[in-house]
Amino acid sequence: MISKGEVFVAEPTMKALVLHAVGDLRLEEVPRPRPAPGEALVRVAAASVCGSDVPRVYEHGTYRYPLIPGHEVAGVVEAVNGAPLSYVGERVTIKPLIPCRACRYCQIGAYGQCEAYDYLGSRRDGAFAEYVCAPVQNLVRLPKEADLVEAALTEPAAVALHAVRQGGIQPGDCVAILGAGPIGMMVAQWARIWGAGKILLVDIDERKLQLAQRLWLGETWNARDGDPVGWAWEQTLGLGVDCVVEASGASVTLEQAVRMARPLGRVVILGNPSGDVILPRETASQILRKQLVLVGTWNSQFTALPVDEWRVTVEMIAGRRLDVRSLISHRLPLTEGVEALAMMHERRAFYSRVVFLPQGEGGLA
């Protein structure tokens, strides 16, 4: 009960997509989050749907419930708690992995291997909302010319850059990418920027390959039309591929990657496996006999040394040297989020990258 003379001030709220259990995603009005010490409150301009968000909502779930998914985001800092006020009003993107900064790996700057990390959209509330909180240390300021919708794709673009760097791609290399999803197409762009002499893209979805062709990303092959391994050896005049990036997470594509790599070549394992990955004995033997280097890639590097992949990515997107705009197939209000994720899960329509605009189209400058 409110006593006479007291003024009641309503707690500010926001719209958000809230996951209550596997498959139970709802659009709700929830309390606006308050930044903890050292954190910022960011007004979300755009939140991109990652390929991992769909199985997280419909198959695997999150680490706690209820929880707001989403980790690919750009927006404007609305408020800070115990941090410089100069951040307020800044246009930013957010590194979703929040390291403990105390474990043995954090001590050497290997934040991707943090032993006690937090993460937007899976371990703590994420960006499918009008507002999100994150540590100030995780904010990345955007250049003045940056487009906020495009900047929301900084995280997957940085993941793609990390894969290229993990593969040690050199000028003139032939690079094959197995899986032409948005990240695979970003890998192709980074490989070209890194000086690759020839780029091959393989997928089983002709619509993805047609998009890759429209973007002039390289030679394409639909694996439904025949063996991509033989095609890759033909494309390289019998020399084999210098670096293969496996970007689908399937046993068959890892096997193909090993078989099309040249002796002393490199295979980068980027695709997140959806099940057990099994190699035939003959293929496993090729890893030995060709002395292949297999390397995993996970998240991205966001320390200044040796390379701040986030800063590089932000600058390349803002300068339109990395084309993420063409990968955005849908720009939707947050109110259509539940239906959009269901459409993606059921594959009712073709999509590349779906972006939610919680403030509406053009809602933030």
Foldseek 3Di string as FASTA:
>chain_A
DDDPPDDDDDADWWWAFKQAWQQDTDTDIGGQDDADAQKFKWFWQKFWDDPVNLCCRHPVDAPDPGAGATQQTKGATCGHHNDDPVRHGFTWTFDFKAAPCPDPCSVVQNRLPHPDIAGDGGRHHHDLIRIDMDRPVGIDTFDPLFDRHLSSCLQLLQLLLQLLVQQVQAAQFEEEEEDLALSSLSVLLNSVVRHHNAYEYEEQDVVSVVLSVVVVSHHYDHCVVDQVLVVLCVVVVNQFGQEYEYAAQEQVSVLSRLSRHGQQHEYEDEHNHPDDHDYDPVSVVSCVVSVYHYYYGGGHRCDPPPHRSSVVSSVCNSVVSRDPVSQFPEEEESVCVSVVSVCVNVVVDDHRMYMYRPCDVVSDD
